[in-house]
Amino acid sequence: MLRVGDLQRSLDFYTGVLGMKLLRTSENPEYKYSLAFVGYGNNPDHAEIELTYNWGVDHYDLGSAYGHIALGVPDAYAAVEKIKAAGGNVTREAGPVKGGTTVIAFVTDPDGYKIELIQRAEDAEGGGLR
């Protein structure tokens, strides 16, 4: 679950830039929050990310405990180009990880959450940013 400062802005990023689907939403007026679930498919076959918007809160301090979300992609280089074309913020271009051969890249969502793209040839059929 990620707390977001603007639900529509986050939905635009996760669906429009990363190519996820909006799976479902819910509103809780009594406790003043909205939820949106996004992913490349539904559980249990695919992971989902819960986006939580607490009404009236437009930003959060991310803290030092959060690292990043990792997404498997068939081609990190192509994914980075697609993200750039959609207006996404690429913070590390695609390339081999230091001391290894796995190709990775990093992007940042509108709230500052880091997302790692990991190139995995076996994911070509399974989902992820294409």
N, C-alpha and C. Protein backbone atom coordinates (compact mmCIF):
# COMPACT_ATOMS: atom_id res chain seq x y z
N MET A 1 0.84 -1.17 0.00
CA MET A 1 0.00 0.00 0.00
C MET A 1 0.88 1.23 0.00
N LEU A 2 0.53 2.19 -0.86
CA LEU A 2 1.23 3.47 -0.92
C LEU A 2 0.24 4.57 -0.61
N ARG A 3 0.60 5.46 0.31
CA ARG A 3 -0.23 6.64 0.57
C ARG A 3 0.14 7.70 -0.47
N VAL A 4 -0.88 8.24 -1.12
CA VAL A 4 -0.64 9.19 -2.20
C VAL A 4 -1.31 10.53 -1.90
N GLY A 5 -0.72 11.61 -2.42
CA GLY A 5 -1.23 12.95 -2.17
C GLY A 5 -2.30 13.41 -3.13
N ASP A 6 -2.44 12.75 -4.26
CA ASP A 6 -3.44 13.09 -5.27
C ASP A 6 -3.78 11.80 -6.00
N LEU A 7 -4.94 11.25 -5.72
CA LEU A 7 -5.29 9.93 -6.25
C LEU A 7 -5.33 9.92 -7.77
N GLN A 8 -5.93 10.94 -8.38
CA GLN A 8 -6.01 10.94 -9.84
C GLN A 8 -4.64 11.04 -10.47
N ARG A 9 -3.77 11.87 -9.92
CA ARG A 9 -2.40 11.99 -10.43
C ARG A 9 -1.68 10.65 -10.37
N SER A 10 -1.85 9.93 -9.27
CA SER A 10 -1.22 8.62 -9.12
C SER A 10 -1.82 7.61 -10.08
N LEU A 11 -3.13 7.63 -10.24
CA LEU A 11 -3.77 6.72 -11.20
C LEU A 11 -3.28 7.01 -12.62
N ASP A 12 -3.13 8.28 -12.96
CA ASP A 12 -2.62 8.63 -14.29
C ASP A 12 -1.22 8.05 -14.49
N PHE A 13 -0.38 8.09 -13.45
CA PHE A 13 0.97 7.56 -13.55
C PHE A 13 0.95 6.03 -13.68
N TYR A 14 0.29 5.35 -12.76
CA TYR A 14 0.35 3.89 -12.76
C TYR A 14 -0.37 3.27 -13.96
N THR A 15 -1.44 3.91 -14.44
CA THR A 15 -2.14 3.36 -15.61
C THR A 15 -1.57 3.92 -16.91
N GLY A 16 -1.38 5.23 -16.99
CA GLY A 16 -0.94 5.85 -18.24
C GLY A 16 0.54 5.71 -18.52
N VAL A 17 1.37 5.78 -17.48
CA VAL A 17 2.82 5.72 -17.68
C VAL A 17 3.34 4.29 -17.54
N LEU A 18 2.91 3.58 -16.49
CA LEU A 18 3.39 2.21 -16.29
C LEU A 18 2.51 1.16 -16.96
N GLY A 19 1.36 1.54 -17.47
CA GLY A 19 0.52 0.61 -18.22
C GLY A 19 -0.27 -0.37 -17.37
N MET A 20 -0.43 -0.09 -16.07
CA MET A 20 -1.24 -0.96 -15.23
C MET A 20 -2.72 -0.69 -15.50
N LYS A 21 -3.56 -1.56 -14.99
CA LYS A 21 -5.01 -1.40 -15.09
C LYS A 21 -5.54 -0.97 -13.74
N LEU A 22 -6.57 -0.12 -13.76
CA LEU A 22 -7.30 0.18 -12.54
C LEU A 22 -8.22 -1.00 -12.29
N LEU A 23 -7.99 -1.72 -11.20
CA LEU A 23 -8.71 -2.96 -10.94
C LEU A 23 -10.00 -2.74 -10.16
N ARG A 24 -9.97 -1.82 -9.19
CA ARG A 24 -11.16 -1.50 -8.42
C ARG A 24 -10.88 -0.29 -7.53
N THR A 25 -11.95 0.34 -7.09
CA THR A 25 -11.84 1.48 -6.19
C THR A 25 -12.87 1.35 -5.08
N SER A 26 -12.64 2.07 -3.99
CA SER A 26 -13.66 2.16 -2.94
C SER A 26 -13.49 3.49 -2.22
N GLU A 27 -14.60 3.98 -1.69
CA GLU A 27 -14.63 5.25 -0.96
C GLU A 27 -15.11 4.97 0.45
N ASN A 28 -14.54 5.66 1.42
CA ASN A 28 -15.00 5.55 2.79
C ASN A 28 -15.19 6.95 3.35
N PRO A 29 -16.37 7.54 3.09
CA PRO A 29 -16.63 8.91 3.55
C PRO A 29 -16.57 9.06 5.07
N GLU A 30 -17.00 8.05 5.79
CA GLU A 30 -17.01 8.16 7.25
C GLU A 30 -15.60 8.38 7.80
N TYR A 31 -14.61 7.68 7.22
CA TYR A 31 -13.23 7.81 7.69
C TYR A 31 -12.35 8.63 6.75
N LYS A 32 -12.97 9.20 5.72
CA LYS A 32 -12.34 10.16 4.82
C LYS A 32 -11.11 9.62 4.10
N TYR A 33 -11.29 8.49 3.42
CA TYR A 33 -10.22 7.99 2.57
C TYR A 33 -10.80 7.28 1.36
N SER A 34 -9.97 7.21 0.31
CA SER A 34 -10.32 6.51 -0.94
C SER A 34 -9.22 5.51 -1.23
N LEU A 35 -9.60 4.39 -1.82
CA LEU A 35 -8.65 3.35 -2.21
C LEU A 35 -8.78 3.09 -3.71
N ALA A 36 -7.65 2.82 -4.33
CA ALA A 36 -7.64 2.37 -5.72
C ALA A 36 -6.60 1.25 -5.81
N PHE A 37 -6.96 0.18 -6.48
CA PHE A 37 -6.05 -0.96 -6.66
C PHE A 37 -5.67 -1.02 -8.12
N VAL A 38 -4.36 -1.08 -8.38
CA VAL A 38 -3.84 -1.13 -9.74
C VAL A 38 -2.92 -2.35 -9.88
N GLY A 39 -2.77 -2.81 -11.11
CA GLY A 39 -1.87 -3.92 -11.39
C GLY A 39 -1.98 -4.33 -12.84
N TYR A 40 -1.21 -5.33 -13.21
CA TYR A 40 -1.23 -5.86 -14.58
C TYR A 40 -2.24 -6.99 -14.73
N GLY A 41 -2.89 -7.35 -13.66
CA GLY A 41 -3.91 -8.38 -13.60
C GLY A 41 -4.32 -8.55 -12.15
N ASN A 42 -5.27 -9.43 -11.91
CA ASN A 42 -5.80 -9.61 -10.55
C ASN A 42 -5.06 -10.69 -9.78
N ASN A 43 -5.11 -10.56 -8.45
CA ASN A 43 -4.63 -11.62 -7.56
C ASN A 43 -5.45 -12.87 -7.83
N PRO A 44 -4.94 -14.06 -7.68
CA PRO A 44 -3.61 -14.36 -7.18
C PRO A 44 -2.55 -14.49 -8.27
N ASP A 45 -2.94 -14.31 -9.52
CA ASP A 45 -1.98 -14.47 -10.62
C ASP A 45 -1.02 -13.29 -10.74
N HIS A 46 -1.43 -12.11 -10.30
CA HIS A 46 -0.61 -10.90 -10.41
C HIS A 46 -0.70 -10.13 -9.10
N ALA A 47 0.37 -9.46 -8.77
CA ALA A 47 0.37 -8.60 -7.59
C ALA A 47 -0.44 -7.35 -7.87
N GLU A 48 -0.98 -6.76 -6.83
CA GLU A 48 -1.71 -5.51 -6.94
C GLU A 48 -1.06 -4.49 -6.01
N ILE A 49 -1.16 -3.23 -6.38
CA ILE A 49 -0.72 -2.15 -5.52
C ILE A 49 -1.95 -1.38 -5.06
N GLU A 50 -2.06 -1.20 -3.76
CA GLU A 50 -3.15 -0.42 -3.19
C GLU A 50 -2.67 1.02 -3.04
N LEU A 51 -3.39 1.95 -3.65
CA LEU A 51 -3.11 3.37 -3.50
C LEU A 51 -4.14 3.94 -2.54
N THR A 52 -3.69 4.55 -1.46
CA THR A 52 -4.59 5.10 -0.44
C THR A 52 -4.48 6.61 -0.44
N TYR A 53 -5.63 7.27 -0.61
CA TYR A 53 -5.68 8.72 -0.51
C TYR A 53 -6.48 9.07 0.74
N ASN A 54 -5.81 9.69 1.72
CA ASN A 54 -6.47 10.21 2.92
C ASN A 54 -6.88 11.64 2.60
N TRP A 55 -8.19 11.87 2.59
CA TRP A 55 -8.73 13.14 2.15
C TRP A 55 -8.07 14.30 2.88
N GLY A 56 -7.61 15.28 2.11
CA GLY A 56 -7.02 16.48 2.66
C GLY A 56 -5.52 16.41 2.91
N VAL A 57 -4.91 15.24 2.69
CA VAL A 57 -3.45 15.10 2.88
C VAL A 57 -2.82 15.07 1.49
N ASP A 58 -2.02 16.10 1.17
CA ASP A 58 -1.49 16.18 -0.19
C ASP A 58 -0.05 15.72 -0.34
N HIS A 59 0.63 15.35 0.75
CA HIS A 59 1.99 14.80 0.64
C HIS A 59 2.36 14.07 1.92
N TYR A 60 3.37 13.22 1.81
CA TYR A 60 3.87 12.43 2.93
C TYR A 60 5.39 12.50 2.94
N ASP A 61 5.98 12.37 4.12
CA ASP A 61 7.41 12.15 4.23
C ASP A 61 7.63 10.67 4.01
N LEU A 62 8.50 10.32 3.07
CA LEU A 62 8.67 8.90 2.72
C LEU A 62 9.45 8.13 3.77
N GLY A 63 10.28 8.78 4.54
CA GLY A 63 11.04 8.07 5.57
C GLY A 63 12.20 7.29 4.98
N SER A 64 12.98 6.69 5.85
CA SER A 64 14.17 5.97 5.41
C SER A 64 13.98 4.46 5.32
N ALA A 65 12.82 3.95 5.70
CA ALA A 65 12.59 2.50 5.67
C ALA A 65 12.16 2.00 4.30
N TYR A 66 11.48 2.83 3.54
CA TYR A 66 11.00 2.42 2.22
C TYR A 66 12.16 2.35 1.25
N GLY A 67 12.23 1.27 0.49
CA GLY A 67 13.25 1.13 -0.54
C GLY A 67 12.66 1.41 -1.91
N HIS A 68 12.00 0.41 -2.48
CA HIS A 68 11.36 0.58 -3.77
C HIS A 68 10.48 -0.62 -4.08
N ILE A 69 9.62 -0.44 -5.05
CA ILE A 69 8.83 -1.52 -5.65
C ILE A 69 9.65 -2.02 -6.83
N ALA A 70 9.62 -3.32 -7.10
CA ALA A 70 10.32 -3.87 -8.26
C ALA A 70 9.31 -4.50 -9.21
N LEU A 71 9.45 -4.19 -10.49
CA LEU A 71 8.59 -4.76 -11.53
C LEU A 71 9.45 -5.48 -12.55
N GLY A 72 9.07 -6.70 -12.88
CA GLY A 72 9.75 -7.43 -13.94
C GLY A 72 9.27 -6.95 -15.30
N VAL A 73 10.20 -6.69 -16.21
CA VAL A 73 9.86 -6.25 -17.56
C VAL A 73 10.66 -7.08 -18.56
N PRO A 74 10.10 -7.32 -19.75
CA PRO A 74 10.84 -8.10 -20.74
C PRO A 74 12.02 -7.34 -21.33
N ASP A 75 11.93 -6.00 -21.40
CA ASP A 75 13.00 -5.19 -22.00
C ASP A 75 13.06 -3.86 -21.26
N ALA A 76 14.03 -3.70 -20.38
CA ALA A 76 14.15 -2.48 -19.58
C ALA A 76 14.43 -1.25 -20.44
N TYR A 77 15.22 -1.42 -21.48
CA TYR A 77 15.54 -0.29 -22.36
C TYR A 77 14.26 0.24 -23.03
N ALA A 78 13.44 -0.66 -23.56
CA ALA A 78 12.19 -0.27 -24.21
C ALA A 78 11.21 0.31 -23.19
N ALA A 79 11.17 -0.26 -22.00
CA ALA A 79 10.29 0.25 -20.95
C ALA A 79 10.64 1.68 -20.58
N VAL A 80 11.93 1.97 -20.45
CA VAL A 80 12.38 3.32 -20.12
C VAL A 80 11.96 4.31 -21.21
N GLU A 81 12.12 3.94 -22.46
CA GLU A 81 11.73 4.83 -23.55
C GLU A 81 10.23 5.09 -23.54
N LYS A 82 9.45 4.05 -23.26
CA LYS A 82 7.99 4.19 -23.19
C LYS A 82 7.59 5.10 -22.03
N ILE A 83 8.25 4.94 -20.90
CA ILE A 83 7.96 5.77 -19.73
C ILE A 83 8.31 7.23 -20.01
N LYS A 84 9.45 7.46 -20.61
CA LYS A 84 9.84 8.84 -20.96
C LYS A 84 8.82 9.47 -21.91
N ALA A 85 8.40 8.71 -22.91
CA ALA A 85 7.45 9.22 -23.90
C ALA A 85 6.11 9.57 -23.25
N ALA A 86 5.77 8.87 -22.16
CA ALA A 86 4.52 9.13 -21.46
C ALA A 86 4.67 10.21 -20.39
N GLY A 87 5.87 10.80 -20.28
CA GLY A 87 6.10 11.87 -19.32
C GLY A 87 6.58 11.41 -17.96
N GLY A 88 6.98 10.15 -17.84
CA GLY A 88 7.45 9.62 -16.57
C GLY A 88 8.86 10.10 -16.24
N ASN A 89 9.21 10.02 -14.96
CA ASN A 89 10.50 10.48 -14.45
C ASN A 89 11.46 9.30 -14.29
N VAL A 90 12.38 9.14 -15.24
CA VAL A 90 13.39 8.09 -15.18
C VAL A 90 14.57 8.64 -14.38
N THR A 91 14.92 7.96 -13.28
CA THR A 91 16.01 8.44 -12.43
C THR A 91 17.28 7.63 -12.59
N ARG A 92 17.19 6.47 -13.23
CA ARG A 92 18.38 5.68 -13.60
C ARG A 92 18.07 5.01 -14.92
N GLU A 93 18.85 5.33 -15.91
CA GLU A 93 18.66 4.73 -17.23
C GLU A 93 18.88 3.22 -17.16
N ALA A 94 18.32 2.49 -18.10
CA ALA A 94 18.50 1.05 -18.16
C ALA A 94 19.96 0.70 -18.41
N GLY A 95 20.43 -0.30 -17.70
CA GLY A 95 21.80 -0.77 -17.87
C GLY A 95 22.10 -1.83 -16.82
N PRO A 96 23.22 -2.51 -16.96
CA PRO A 96 23.57 -3.57 -16.02
C PRO A 96 23.77 -3.03 -14.59
N VAL A 97 23.34 -3.82 -13.63
CA VAL A 97 23.57 -3.48 -12.23
C VAL A 97 25.07 -3.55 -11.97
N LYS A 98 25.57 -2.69 -11.07
CA LYS A 98 26.99 -2.69 -10.76
C LYS A 98 27.43 -4.07 -10.28
N GLY A 99 28.49 -4.59 -10.87
CA GLY A 99 29.02 -5.88 -10.47
C GLY A 99 28.24 -7.08 -10.97
N GLY A 100 27.31 -6.85 -11.92
CA GLY A 100 26.51 -7.97 -12.42
C GLY A 100 26.08 -7.75 -13.86
N THR A 101 25.17 -8.60 -14.31
CA THR A 101 24.72 -8.50 -15.69
C THR A 101 23.22 -8.21 -15.80
N THR A 102 22.48 -8.29 -14.70
CA THR A 102 21.04 -8.01 -14.74
C THR A 102 20.83 -6.55 -15.12
N VAL A 103 19.95 -6.32 -16.10
CA VAL A 103 19.66 -4.96 -16.56
C VAL A 103 18.51 -4.41 -15.73
N ILE A 104 18.74 -3.23 -15.15
CA ILE A 104 17.74 -2.58 -14.33
C ILE A 104 17.62 -1.11 -14.74
N ALA A 105 16.56 -0.47 -14.27
CA ALA A 105 16.36 0.97 -14.41
C ALA A 105 15.50 1.39 -13.23
N PHE A 106 15.45 2.68 -12.97
CA PHE A 106 14.60 3.20 -11.90
C PHE A 106 13.77 4.36 -12.41
N VAL A 107 12.52 4.41 -11.97
CA VAL A 107 11.63 5.54 -12.22
C VAL A 107 11.06 5.97 -10.87
N THR A 108 10.53 7.18 -10.84
CA THR A 108 9.93 7.70 -9.62
C THR A 108 8.50 8.11 -9.92
N ASP A 109 7.57 7.73 -9.03
CA ASP A 109 6.18 8.11 -9.24
C ASP A 109 5.95 9.54 -8.76
N PRO A 110 4.74 10.10 -8.96
CA PRO A 110 4.50 11.50 -8.61
C PRO A 110 4.68 11.83 -7.13
N ASP A 111 4.59 10.84 -6.25
CA ASP A 111 4.77 11.08 -4.82
C ASP A 111 6.20 10.83 -4.36
N GLY A 112 7.09 10.45 -5.30
CA GLY A 112 8.48 10.23 -4.96
C GLY A 112 8.85 8.79 -4.66
N TYR A 113 7.89 7.86 -4.79
CA TYR A 113 8.20 6.45 -4.57
C TYR A 113 9.05 5.93 -5.72
N LYS A 114 10.09 5.18 -5.39
CA LYS A 114 10.98 4.62 -6.40
C LYS A 114 10.45 3.28 -6.89
N ILE A 115 10.59 3.05 -8.19
CA ILE A 115 10.16 1.81 -8.81
C ILE A 115 11.32 1.30 -9.66
N GLU A 116 11.77 0.08 -9.36
CA GLU A 116 12.85 -0.55 -10.12
C GLU A 116 12.24 -1.40 -11.22
N LEU A 117 12.79 -1.29 -12.41
CA LEU A 117 12.42 -2.15 -13.53
C LEU A 117 13.55 -3.16 -13.69
N ILE A 118 13.22 -4.44 -13.63
CA ILE A 118 14.21 -5.50 -13.75
C ILE A 118 13.93 -6.28 -15.02
N GLN A 119 14.89 -6.30 -15.92
CA GLN A 119 14.72 -7.03 -17.18
C GLN A 119 14.80 -8.52 -16.93
N ARG A 120 13.71 -9.20 -17.27
CA ARG A 120 13.63 -10.65 -17.08
C ARG A 120 12.99 -11.25 -18.32
N ALA A 121 13.76 -11.97 -19.09
CA ALA A 121 13.26 -12.53 -20.36
C ALA A 121 12.07 -13.44 -20.14
N GLU A 122 12.03 -14.15 -19.01
CA GLU A 122 10.93 -15.09 -18.78
C GLU A 122 9.62 -14.38 -18.49
N ASP A 123 9.63 -13.06 -18.27
CA ASP A 123 8.40 -12.32 -17.99
C ASP A 123 7.70 -11.86 -19.28
N ALA A 124 8.24 -12.18 -20.42
CA ALA A 124 7.68 -11.67 -21.67
C ALA A 124 6.20 -12.02 -21.81
N GLU A 125 5.76 -13.16 -21.30
CA GLU A 125 4.36 -13.54 -21.37
C GLU A 125 3.59 -13.16 -20.12
N GLY A 126 4.29 -12.93 -19.00
CA GLY A 126 3.64 -12.82 -17.72
C GLY A 126 3.17 -11.45 -17.29
N GLY A 127 3.46 -10.43 -18.01
CA GLY A 127 2.98 -9.13 -17.59
C GLY A 127 4.12 -8.19 -17.28
N GLY A 128 3.75 -7.06 -16.79
CA GLY A 128 4.73 -6.02 -16.54
C GLY A 128 4.67 -5.01 -17.66
N LEU A 129 5.40 -3.97 -17.55
CA LEU A 129 5.40 -2.90 -18.52
C LEU A 129 5.94 -3.41 -19.85
N ARG A 130 5.17 -3.23 -20.90
CA ARG A 130 5.58 -3.69 -22.24
C ARG A 130 5.68 -2.56 -23.20
